[in-house]
Amino acid sequence: MTLPDRASATQALCHVADQLRGKWPKLSAFIDDSETDVLAHRDFAAQHRTKINGTNPLERLNKEVKRRADVVGIFPNEGSIIRLIGAVLLEANDEWQTQNRYMQIEGWPNLPRP
């Protein structure tokens, strides 16, 4: 079920908490306390919600770090690991800067416009 706005999502979440209140009062209290965190994604524009909902970019980056570390095999010291990971992160940052934006800035609330 897709809810059109935050008010409807809040109402649906409260409805679920109310249904659970009789049998599982601790769970319903937890739902009530977690409302802000659970519905935080609703503050963003609809075009960004699907992209901030998942962790695919982070998982992809972690796999690339692991792949590069596996190629090296054994590191002589901690500094060499930090340099390798730093290089992978800098490379990823450069790619993100030069590619099309993953999320357009127009939909972000409260951001200064360039």
C-alpha atoms as a PDB file:
ATOM      1  CA  MET A   1       0.000   0.000   0.000  1.00  0.00           C
ATOM      2  CA  THR A   2       1.404   3.377  -1.000  1.00  0.00           C
ATOM      3  CA  LEU A   3       0.349   6.334   1.096  1.00  0.00           C
ATOM      4  CA  PRO A   4       0.268   9.754  -0.573  1.00  0.00           C
ATOM      5  CA  ASP A   5       1.626  11.908   2.258  1.00  0.00           C
ATOM      6  CA  ARG A   6       3.178  11.837   5.711  1.00  0.00           C
ATOM      7  CA  ALA A   7      -0.123  12.488   7.492  1.00  0.00           C
ATOM      8  CA  SER A   8      -1.668   9.335   5.993  1.00  0.00           C
ATOM      9  CA  ALA A   9       1.459   7.333   6.825  1.00  0.00           C
ATOM     10  CA  THR A  10       1.319   8.602  10.431  1.00  0.00           C
ATOM     11  CA  GLN A  11      -2.351   7.690  10.641  1.00  0.00           C
ATOM     12  CA  ALA A  12      -1.683   4.178   9.271  1.00  0.00           C
ATOM     13  CA  LEU A  13       1.199   3.632  11.699  1.00  0.00           C
ATOM     14  CA  CYS A  14      -0.944   4.770  14.639  1.00  0.00           C
ATOM     15  CA  HIS A  15      -3.729   2.440  13.475  1.00  0.00           C
ATOM     16  CA  VAL A  16      -1.329  -0.523  13.489  1.00  0.00           C
ATOM     17  CA  ALA A  17      -0.045   0.444  16.964  1.00  0.00           C
ATOM     18  CA  ASP A  18      -3.631   0.698  18.246  1.00  0.00           C
ATOM     19  CA  GLN A  19      -4.466  -2.756  16.888  1.00  0.00           C
ATOM     20  CA  LEU A  20      -1.478  -4.240  18.738  1.00  0.00           C
ATOM     21  CA  ARG A  21      -1.981  -2.302  21.974  1.00  0.00           C
ATOM     22  CA  GLY A  22      -4.241  -4.878  23.673  1.00  0.00           C
ATOM     23  CA  LYS A  23      -2.110  -7.959  23.046  1.00  0.00           C
ATOM     24  CA  TRP A  24       1.398  -6.439  22.862  1.00  0.00           C
ATOM     25  CA  PRO A  25       1.535  -3.139  24.765  1.00  0.00           C
ATOM     26  CA  LYS A  26       5.355  -2.912  24.696  1.00  0.00           C
ATOM     27  CA  LEU A  27       5.413  -3.333  20.925  1.00  0.00           C
ATOM     28  CA  SER A  28       2.756  -0.672  20.399  1.00  0.00           C
ATOM     29  CA  ALA A  29       4.656   1.709  22.693  1.00  0.00           C
ATOM     30  CA  PHE A  30       7.813   1.012  20.694  1.00  0.00           C
ATOM     31  CA  ILE A  31       5.970   1.804  17.452  1.00  0.00           C
ATOM     32  CA  ASP A  32       4.674   5.039  18.958  1.00  0.00           C
ATOM     33  CA  ASP A  33       8.180   6.035  20.099  1.00  0.00           C
ATOM     34  CA  SER A  34       9.726   5.128  16.733  1.00  0.00           C
ATOM     35  CA  GLU A  35       7.296   7.066  14.552  1.00  0.00           C
ATOM     36  CA  THR A  36       9.768   9.872  13.755  1.00  0.00           C
ATOM     37  CA  ASP A  37      12.508   7.437  12.724  1.00  0.00           C
ATOM     38  CA  VAL A  38      10.227   5.116  10.771  1.00  0.00           C
ATOM     39  CA  LEU A  39       8.660   7.918   8.756  1.00  0.00           C
ATOM     40  CA  ALA A  40      11.767  10.092   8.279  1.00  0.00           C
ATOM     41  CA  HIS A  41      11.954   9.145   4.600  1.00  0.00           C
ATOM     42  CA  ARG A  42       8.555  10.793   4.062  1.00  0.00           C
ATOM     43  CA  ASP A  43      10.182  14.243   4.503  1.00  0.00           C
ATOM     44  CA  PHE A  44      12.007  13.822   1.193  1.00  0.00           C
ATOM     45  CA  ALA A  45      10.590  14.305  -2.281  1.00  0.00           C
ATOM     46  CA  ALA A  46       8.925  11.249  -3.805  1.00  0.00           C
ATOM     47  CA  GLN A  47      11.659  10.975  -6.460  1.00  0.00           C
ATOM     48  CA  HIS A  48      14.292  10.399  -3.743  1.00  0.00           C
ATOM     49  CA  ARG A  49      12.441   7.989  -1.467  1.00  0.00           C
ATOM     50  CA  THR A  50      13.284   4.870  -3.453  1.00  0.00           C
ATOM     51  CA  LYS A  51      16.978   5.792  -3.528  1.00  0.00           C
ATOM     52  CA  ILE A  52      17.367   6.561   0.182  1.00  0.00           C
ATOM     53  CA  ASN A  53      15.343   3.504   1.120  1.00  0.00           C
ATOM     54  CA  GLY A  54      18.107   1.050   0.240  1.00  0.00           C
ATOM     55  CA  THR A  55      21.808   0.579   0.804  1.00  0.00           C
ATOM     56  CA  ASN A  56      22.816  -0.584  -2.682  1.00  0.00           C
ATOM     57  CA  PRO A  57      25.459   2.126  -3.307  1.00  0.00           C
ATOM     58  CA  LEU A  58      27.088   1.448   0.063  1.00  0.00           C
ATOM     59  CA  GLU A  59      27.053  -2.313  -0.503  1.00  0.00           C
ATOM     60  CA  ARG A  60      28.588  -1.852  -3.947  1.00  0.00           C
ATOM     61  CA  LEU A  61      31.359   0.298  -2.465  1.00  0.00           C
ATOM     62  CA  ASN A  62      32.049  -2.247   0.293  1.00  0.00           C
ATOM     63  CA  LYS A  63      32.314  -5.033  -2.311  1.00  0.00           C
ATOM     64  CA  GLU A  64      34.822  -2.974  -4.300  1.00  0.00           C
ATOM     65  CA  VAL A  65      36.959  -2.401  -1.176  1.00  0.00           C
ATOM     66  CA  LYS A  66      36.840  -6.140  -0.406  1.00  0.00           C
ATOM     67  CA  ARG A  67      37.720  -7.048  -3.991  1.00  0.00           C
ATOM     68  CA  ARG A  68      40.762  -4.756  -3.954  1.00  0.00           C
ATOM     69  CA  ALA A  69      41.872  -6.041  -0.541  1.00  0.00           C
ATOM     70  CA  ASP A  70      41.575  -9.651  -1.731  1.00  0.00           C
ATOM     71  CA  VAL A  71      43.852  -8.876  -4.680  1.00  0.00           C
ATOM     72  CA  VAL A  72      46.572  -7.618  -2.328  1.00  0.00           C
ATOM     73  CA  GLY A  73      46.122 -10.495   0.088  1.00  0.00           C
ATOM     74  CA  ILE A  74      48.400  -9.739   3.031  1.00  0.00           C
ATOM     75  CA  PHE A  75      49.050  -6.187   4.183  1.00  0.00           C
ATOM     76  CA  PRO A  76      52.410  -5.368   5.829  1.00  0.00           C
ATOM     77  CA  ASN A  77      50.872  -2.880   8.281  1.00  0.00           C
ATOM     78  CA  GLU A  78      47.744  -0.955   9.168  1.00  0.00           C
ATOM     79  CA  GLY A  79      48.826   2.118   7.210  1.00  0.00           C
ATOM     80  CA  SER A  80      48.849   0.181   3.944  1.00  0.00           C
ATOM     81  CA  ILE A  81      45.250  -0.936   4.505  1.00  0.00           C
ATOM     82  CA  ILE A  82      44.200   2.639   5.217  1.00  0.00           C
ATOM     83  CA  ARG A  83      45.949   3.873   2.053  1.00  0.00           C
ATOM     84  CA  LEU A  84      44.243   1.235  -0.098  1.00  0.00           C
ATOM     85  CA  ILE A  85      40.784   1.914   1.321  1.00  0.00           C
ATOM     86  CA  GLY A  86      41.383   5.661   1.068  1.00  0.00           C
ATOM     87  CA  ALA A  87      42.356   5.302  -2.586  1.00  0.00           C
ATOM     88  CA  VAL A  88      39.203   3.282  -3.343  1.00  0.00           C
ATOM     89  CA  LEU A  89      37.042   5.859  -1.575  1.00  0.00           C
ATOM     90  CA  LEU A  90      38.723   8.756  -3.410  1.00  0.00           C
ATOM     91  CA  GLU A  91      38.194   6.972  -6.715  1.00  0.00           C
ATOM     92  CA  ALA A  92      34.521   6.421  -5.900  1.00  0.00           C
ATOM     93  CA  ASN A  93      34.172  10.073  -4.884  1.00  0.00           C
ATOM     94  CA  ASP A  94      35.709  11.195  -8.187  1.00  0.00           C
ATOM     95  CA  GLU A  95      33.296   8.974 -10.110  1.00  0.00           C
ATOM     96  CA  TRP A  96      30.323  10.330  -8.160  1.00  0.00           C
ATOM     97  CA  GLN A  97      31.444  13.906  -8.838  1.00  0.00           C
ATOM     98  CA  THR A  98      31.764  13.439 -12.596  1.00  0.00           C
ATOM     99  CA  GLN A  99      28.733  11.226 -13.253  1.00  0.00           C
ATOM    100  CA  ASN A 100      25.126  12.320 -13.366  1.00  0.00           C
ATOM    101  CA  ARG A 101      23.829  12.961  -9.916  1.00  0.00           C
ATOM    102  CA  TYR A 102      22.346   9.954  -8.151  1.00  0.00           C
ATOM    103  CA  MET A 103      19.709  12.238  -6.665  1.00  0.00           C
ATOM    104  CA  GLN A 104      18.872  15.658  -8.079  1.00  0.00           C
ATOM    105  CA  ILE A 105      19.294  18.540  -5.637  1.00  0.00           C
ATOM    106  CA  GLU A 106      15.930  20.084  -6.547  1.00  0.00           C
ATOM    107  CA  GLY A 107      13.998  17.646  -4.342  1.00  0.00           C
ATOM    108  CA  TRP A 108      16.031  18.108  -1.151  1.00  0.00           C
ATOM    109  CA  PRO A 109      14.389  20.098   1.623  1.00  0.00           C
ATOM    110  CA  ASN A 110      16.259  22.945   3.332  1.00  0.00           C
ATOM    111  CA  LEU A 111      19.389  22.824   1.174  1.00  0.00           C
ATOM    112  CA  PRO A 112      21.061  25.986  -0.062  1.00  0.00           C
ATOM    113  CA  ARG A 113      20.840  26.210  -3.832  1.00  0.00           C
ATOM    114  CA  PRO A 114      24.066  26.761  -5.811  1.00  0.00           C
END
